[in-house]
C-alpha atoms as a PDB file:
ATOM      1  CA  ASP A   1       0.000   0.000   0.000  1.00  0.00           C
ATOM      2  CA  TYR A   2       1.530   3.252  -1.104  1.00  0.00           C
ATOM      3  CA  SER A   3       1.674   6.488   0.800  1.00  0.00           C
ATOM      4  CA  LEU A   4      -0.849   9.122  -0.248  1.00  0.00           C
ATOM      5  CA  ASP A   5      -0.297  12.703  -1.250  1.00  0.00           C
ATOM      6  CA  VAL A   6      -3.138  15.196  -1.300  1.00  0.00           C
ATOM      7  CA  SER A   7      -3.616  18.160  -3.616  1.00  0.00           C
ATOM      8  CA  ARG A   8      -3.821  21.207  -1.378  1.00  0.00           C
ATOM      9  CA  SER A   9      -6.027  22.973  -3.943  1.00  0.00           C
ATOM     10  CA  THR A  10      -8.474  20.245  -5.008  1.00  0.00           C
ATOM     11  CA  GLY A  11      -8.198  17.637  -2.255  1.00  0.00           C
ATOM     12  CA  ALA A  12      -7.574  14.873  -4.811  1.00  0.00           C
ATOM     13  CA  THR A  13      -5.387  12.059  -3.498  1.00  0.00           C
ATOM     14  CA  SER A  14      -2.652  10.265  -5.410  1.00  0.00           C
ATOM     15  CA  SER A  15      -0.220   7.492  -4.589  1.00  0.00           C
ATOM     16  CA  THR A  16       3.438   8.322  -4.099  1.00  0.00           C
ATOM     17  CA  ASP A  17       6.293   5.913  -4.760  1.00  0.00           C
ATOM     18  CA  TYR A  18       6.793   5.296  -1.021  1.00  0.00           C
ATOM     19  CA  VAL A  19       5.324   2.279   0.734  1.00  0.00           C
ATOM     20  CA  SER A  20       3.140   3.402   3.623  1.00  0.00           C
ATOM     21  CA  LEU A  21       4.333   2.905   7.184  1.00  0.00           C
ATOM     22  CA  LEU A  22       0.902   1.340   7.777  1.00  0.00           C
ATOM     23  CA  ASP A  23       1.511  -1.480   5.272  1.00  0.00           C
ATOM     24  CA  GLU A  24       1.756  -4.686   7.320  1.00  0.00           C
ATOM     25  CA  ARG A  25       3.236  -6.538   4.349  1.00  0.00           C
ATOM     26  CA  ARG A  26       6.201  -4.171   4.434  1.00  0.00           C
ATOM     27  CA  ILE A  27       6.890  -5.151   8.038  1.00  0.00           C
ATOM     28  CA  GLU A  28       6.551  -8.866   7.260  1.00  0.00           C
ATOM     29  CA  HIS A  29       8.779  -8.665   4.161  1.00  0.00           C
ATOM     30  CA  LEU A  30      11.504  -6.775   5.990  1.00  0.00           C
ATOM     31  CA  ALA A  31      11.313  -9.108   8.997  1.00  0.00           C
ATOM     32  CA  ASP A  32      11.691 -12.097   6.642  1.00  0.00           C
ATOM     33  CA  PHE A  33      14.658 -10.401   4.971  1.00  0.00           C
ATOM     34  CA  PHE A  34      16.310  -9.628   8.335  1.00  0.00           C
ATOM     35  CA  ARG A  35      15.711 -13.249   9.411  1.00  0.00           C
ATOM     36  CA  MET A  36      17.544 -14.373   6.264  1.00  0.00           C
ATOM     37  CA  LEU A  37      20.432 -11.997   7.005  1.00  0.00           C
ATOM     38  CA  GLU A  38      20.610 -13.241  10.595  1.00  0.00           C
ATOM     39  CA  GLN A  39      21.112 -16.789   9.327  1.00  0.00           C
ATOM     40  CA  ASP A  40      23.729 -15.880   6.710  1.00  0.00           C
ATOM     41  CA  GLU A  41      27.219 -16.265   8.163  1.00  0.00           C
ATOM     42  CA  ASN A  42      28.593 -13.905   5.500  1.00  0.00           C
ATOM     43  CA  VAL A  43      26.492 -10.986   6.747  1.00  0.00           C
ATOM     44  CA  ASP A  44      27.747  -8.960   9.702  1.00  0.00           C
ATOM     45  CA  MET A  45      24.956  -6.413  10.040  1.00  0.00           C
ATOM     46  CA  ALA A  46      21.641  -5.327   8.531  1.00  0.00           C
ATOM     47  CA  GLY A  47      20.359  -1.886   7.640  1.00  0.00           C
ATOM     48  CA  LEU A  48      17.271   0.033   6.634  1.00  0.00           C
ATOM     49  CA  ASP A  49      16.573   3.025   4.471  1.00  0.00           C
ATOM     50  CA  TYR A  50      13.421   5.034   3.819  1.00  0.00           C
ATOM     51  CA  MET A  51      12.050   4.447   7.296  1.00  0.00           C
ATOM     52  CA  ARG A  52       9.926   7.537   6.917  1.00  0.00           C
ATOM     53  CA  THR A  53       7.137   8.956   4.828  1.00  0.00           C
ATOM     54  CA  ASN A  54       7.854  10.698   1.561  1.00  0.00           C
ATOM     55  CA  PRO A  55      10.242  13.554   2.388  1.00  0.00           C
ATOM     56  CA  GLY A  56       8.630  16.155   0.122  1.00  0.00           C
ATOM     57  CA  SER A  57       4.981  15.419   0.659  1.00  0.00           C
ATOM     58  CA  GLY A  58       2.757  12.480   1.288  1.00  0.00           C
ATOM     59  CA  GLY A  59       1.980  10.213   4.151  1.00  0.00           C
ATOM     60  CA  TYR A  60      -1.526  11.567   4.479  1.00  0.00           C
ATOM     61  CA  GLU A  61      -3.036   8.096   4.719  1.00  0.00           C
ATOM     62  CA  LEU A  62      -1.775   8.571   8.308  1.00  0.00           C
ATOM     63  CA  ALA A  63      -4.171  11.475   8.951  1.00  0.00           C
ATOM     64  CA  GLU A  64      -6.813   9.384  10.738  1.00  0.00           C
ATOM     65  CA  PRO A  65      -4.580   7.559  13.229  1.00  0.00           C
ATOM     66  CA  PHE A  66      -2.563  10.739  13.804  1.00  0.00           C
ATOM     67  CA  THR A  67      -5.610  12.834  14.718  1.00  0.00           C
ATOM     68  CA  GLU A  68      -7.043  10.014  16.841  1.00  0.00           C
ATOM     69  CA  GLN A  69      -3.854   9.647  18.876  1.00  0.00           C
ATOM     70  CA  MET A  70      -2.463  13.164  19.157  1.00  0.00           C
ATOM     71  CA  PRO A  71      -3.992  16.070  21.093  1.00  0.00           C
ATOM     72  CA  VAL A  72      -4.180  18.453  18.147  1.00  0.00           C
ATOM     73  CA  GLU A  73      -6.871  21.060  17.617  1.00  0.00           C
ATOM     74  CA  LEU A  74      -9.348  20.042  14.922  1.00  0.00           C
ATOM     75  CA  PRO A  75     -12.191  21.970  13.289  1.00  0.00           C
ATOM     76  CA  ASP A  76     -15.671  21.702  14.782  1.00  0.00           C
ATOM     77  CA  ASP A  77     -16.981  19.865  11.718  1.00  0.00           C
ATOM     78  CA  TRP A  78     -14.200  17.220  11.788  1.00  0.00           C
ATOM     79  CA  ALA A  79     -16.642  14.369  12.482  1.00  0.00           C
ATOM     80  CA  SER A  80     -18.724  15.202   9.415  1.00  0.00           C
ATOM     81  CA  MET A  81     -15.736  15.602   7.071  1.00  0.00           C
ATOM     82  CA  SER A  82     -14.949  12.839   4.555  1.00  0.00           C
ATOM     83  CA  GLU A  83     -11.677  10.923   4.794  1.00  0.00           C
ATOM     84  CA  ARG A  84     -10.316  12.894   1.831  1.00  0.00           C
ATOM     85  CA  GLU A  85     -11.319  16.216   3.424  1.00  0.00           C
ATOM     86  CA  ARG A  86      -9.546  15.190   6.638  1.00  0.00           C
ATOM     87  CA  GLN A  87      -6.416  14.220   4.720  1.00  0.00           C
ATOM     88  CA  ARG A  88      -6.485  17.563   2.915  1.00  0.00           C
ATOM     89  CA  TYR A  89      -6.947  19.425   6.205  1.00  0.00           C
ATOM     90  CA  VAL A  90      -3.871  17.703   7.670  1.00  0.00           C
ATOM     91  CA  ALA A  91      -1.858  18.320   4.479  1.00  0.00           C
ATOM     92  CA  VAL A  92      -2.621  22.049   4.554  1.00  0.00           C
ATOM     93  CA  LYS A  93      -1.793  22.291   8.269  1.00  0.00           C
ATOM     94  CA  VAL A  94       1.481  20.433   7.810  1.00  0.00           C
ATOM     95  CA  GLU A  95       2.736  21.894   4.561  1.00  0.00           C
ATOM     96  CA  GLU A  96       1.404  25.424   4.473  1.00  0.00           C
ATOM     97  CA  GLN A  97       0.310  26.790   7.803  1.00  0.00           C
ATOM     98  CA  TRP A  98       3.442  25.930   9.791  1.00  0.00           C
ATOM     99  CA  ARG A  99       5.486  28.099   7.407  1.00  0.00           C
ATOM    100  CA  GLU A 100       3.188  31.006   8.141  1.00  0.00           C
ATOM    101  CA  ASP A 101       3.493  30.385  11.906  1.00  0.00           C
ATOM    102  CA  GLU A 102      -0.241  29.740  12.061  1.00  0.00           C
ATOM    103  CA  ASP A 103       0.060  26.398  13.836  1.00  0.00           C
ATOM    104  CA  PRO A 104       3.647  25.222  14.394  1.00  0.00           C
ATOM    105  CA  ASP A 105       2.472  22.920  17.219  1.00  0.00           C
ATOM    106  CA  PHE A 106       0.414  20.889  14.737  1.00  0.00           C
ATOM    107  CA  TYR A 107       3.489  20.536  12.505  1.00  0.00           C
ATOM    108  CA  ASP A 108       5.666  19.453  15.443  1.00  0.00           C
ATOM    109  CA  ALA A 109       3.031  16.950  16.594  1.00  0.00           C
ATOM    110  CA  TRP A 110       2.812  15.507  13.060  1.00  0.00           C
ATOM    111  CA  ASN A 111       6.577  15.024  12.845  1.00  0.00           C
ATOM    112  CA  TRP A 112       6.840  13.561  16.358  1.00  0.00           C
ATOM    113  CA  TRP A 113       3.980  11.139  15.713  1.00  0.00           C
ATOM    114  CA  ARG A 114       5.446   9.974  12.372  1.00  0.00           C
ATOM    115  CA  ALA A 115       8.833   9.461  14.035  1.00  0.00           C
ATOM    116  CA  HIS A 116       7.191   7.406  16.756  1.00  0.00           C
ATOM    117  CA  LEU A 117       5.331   5.323  14.166  1.00  0.00           C
ATOM    118  CA  GLY A 118       8.510   4.769  12.121  1.00  0.00           C
ATOM    119  CA  ALA A 119      10.422   3.676  15.207  1.00  0.00           C
ATOM    120  CA  GLU A 120       7.578   1.323  16.146  1.00  0.00           C
ATOM    121  CA  VAL A 121       7.751  -0.229  12.661  1.00  0.00           C
ATOM    122  CA  VAL A 122      11.508  -0.745  13.118  1.00  0.00           C
ATOM    123  CA  ARG A 123      10.976  -2.297  16.569  1.00  0.00           C
ATOM    124  CA  ARG A 124       8.441  -4.735  15.130  1.00  0.00           C
ATOM    125  CA  ILE A 125      10.787  -5.701  12.269  1.00  0.00           C
ATOM    126  CA  ILE A 126      13.612  -6.391  14.721  1.00  0.00           C
ATOM    127  CA  GLU A 127      11.371  -8.380  17.083  1.00  0.00           C
ATOM    128  CA  LYS A 128       9.668 -10.421  14.339  1.00  0.00           C
ATOM    129  CA  SER A 129      12.976 -11.242  12.658  1.00  0.00           C
ATOM    130  CA  GLY A 130      14.815 -12.196  15.822  1.00  0.00           C
ATOM    131  CA  ILE A 131      17.933 -10.503  14.470  1.00  0.00           C
ATOM    132  CA  THR A 132      20.799 -10.222  16.943  1.00  0.00           C
ATOM    133  CA  LYS A 133      23.387  -8.807  14.537  1.00  0.00           C
ATOM    134  CA  PRO A 134      24.016  -5.069  14.661  1.00  0.00           C
ATOM    135  CA  THR A 135      21.381  -3.026  12.850  1.00  0.00           C
ATOM    136  CA  TRP A 136      21.626   0.425  11.334  1.00  0.00           C
ATOM    137  CA  VAL A 137      19.260   2.908   9.740  1.00  0.00           C
ATOM    138  CA  PHE A 138      19.850   5.773   7.327  1.00  0.00           C
ATOM    139  CA  ILE A 139      18.512   8.969   8.830  1.00  0.00           C
ATOM    140  CA  LEU A 140      18.303  12.406   7.296  1.00  0.00           C
ATOM    141  CA  SER A 141      20.892  14.622   8.927  1.00  0.00           C
ATOM    142  CA  TRP A 142      19.408  18.114   8.921  1.00  0.00           C
ATOM    143  CA  TRP A 143      17.294  18.634  12.049  1.00  0.00           C
ATOM    144  CA  HIS A 144      18.056  14.971  12.847  1.00  0.00           C
ATOM    145  CA  GLY A 145      15.494  13.853  10.291  1.00  0.00           C
ATOM    146  CA  MET A 146      12.651  15.343  12.306  1.00  0.00           C
ATOM    147  CA  GLN A 147      11.165  17.260   9.365  1.00  0.00           C
ATOM    148  CA  HIS A 148      10.652  13.896   7.688  1.00  0.00           C
ATOM    149  CA  GLY A 149       9.261  11.979  10.626  1.00  0.00           C
ATOM    150  CA  GLN A 150      12.488  10.497  11.929  1.00  0.00           C
ATOM    151  CA  ASP A 151      14.134  10.715  15.321  1.00  0.00           C
ATOM    152  CA  PRO A 152      17.534   9.189  16.190  1.00  0.00           C
ATOM    153  CA  VAL A 153      16.676   8.597  19.840  1.00  0.00           C
ATOM    154  CA  MET A 154      13.405   6.855  18.961  1.00  0.00           C
ATOM    155  CA  PHE A 155      15.239   4.610  16.480  1.00  0.00           C
ATOM    156  CA  THR A 156      17.808   3.732  19.133  1.00  0.00           C
ATOM    157  CA  ASP A 157      15.056   2.963  21.650  1.00  0.00           C
ATOM    158  CA  ALA A 158      13.449   0.728  19.001  1.00  0.00           C
ATOM    159  CA  GLY A 159      16.596  -1.432  18.866  1.00  0.00           C
ATOM    160  CA  ILE A 160      18.744   0.148  16.156  1.00  0.00           C
ATOM    161  CA  THR A 161      22.436  -0.286  16.959  1.00  0.00           C
ATOM    162  CA  MET A 162      23.890   2.399  14.691  1.00  0.00           C
ATOM    163  CA  LEU A 163      22.565   5.571  13.106  1.00  0.00           C
ATOM    164  CA  ALA A 164      23.816   6.460   9.629  1.00  0.00           C
ATOM    165  CA  PRO A 165      23.147  10.175   9.094  1.00  0.00           C
ATOM    166  CA  MET A 166      23.052  11.047   5.414  1.00  0.00           C
ATOM    167  CA  LEU A 167      25.490  13.887   4.932  1.00  0.00           C
ATOM    168  CA  TYR A 168      25.419  14.122   1.155  1.00  0.00           C
ATOM    169  CA  GLN A 169      24.038  17.663   1.241  1.00  0.00           C
ATOM    170  CA  VAL A 170      26.797  19.030   3.462  1.00  0.00           C
ATOM    171  CA  PRO A 171      28.644  21.445   1.148  1.00  0.00           C
ATOM    172  CA  ASN A 172      31.814  22.155   3.152  1.00  0.00           C
ATOM    173  CA  ARG A 173      33.845  21.515   6.300  1.00  0.00           C
ATOM    174  CA  ALA A 174      32.306  24.404   8.263  1.00  0.00           C
ATOM    175  CA  HIS A 175      28.831  23.069   7.581  1.00  0.00           C
ATOM    176  CA  SER A 176      29.976  19.593   8.624  1.00  0.00           C
ATOM    177  CA  ASP A 177      31.341  20.961  11.908  1.00  0.00           C
ATOM    178  CA  ILE A 178      27.990  22.641  12.614  1.00  0.00           C
ATOM    179  CA  MET A 179      26.146  19.372  11.903  1.00  0.00           C
ATOM    180  CA  VAL A 180      28.431  17.342  14.172  1.00  0.00           C
ATOM    181  CA  ARG A 181      28.062  19.875  17.004  1.00  0.00           C
ATOM    182  CA  ASP A 182      24.269  19.970  16.532  1.00  0.00           C
ATOM    183  CA  TRP A 183      24.004  16.159  16.564  1.00  0.00           C
ATOM    184  CA  ASN A 184      26.151  15.882  19.692  1.00  0.00           C
ATOM    185  CA  GLU A 185      24.015  18.464  21.483  1.00  0.00           C
ATOM    186  CA  TYR A 186      20.809  16.647  20.522  1.00  0.00           C
ATOM    187  CA  LEU A 187      22.008  13.179  21.434  1.00  0.00           C
END
């Protein structure tokens, strides 16, 4: 099941090329793969990438569980809105209004909740697979991946052994030094 994006102007939904964090088959497939790696004597560790929703947009199939579980302010007519209208509402709040400082708390709650969900998916993969070899996960480096629903501490709590921050957008040594200092302060 693919992650959904929502047109902010029309409300039309479309599939992205990211598998949804809600897809149980994804968890089963990755647990099977990790189980295979655990049994292979030629493999020393196992890693994961794309343990997040689509970085640019998408993930709005998560709107329902997010609003059910997080204490965010919703419009009075929320109960009468269609699923698509709810997804559009969340998309606008996340992608437009936080930039205008209209509701940064909603944006922060969305990112925290997605990070928690992603870490829970990782925990389930590790538990189902029974892997004991070291595990790692690629994580976006700017703001510790938080803008994309990742959190290094949550991944570590979920059982990840090593974090692999992606530093491919670091243009120079000074920028790298800032990133290293920022990561050390956060961790």
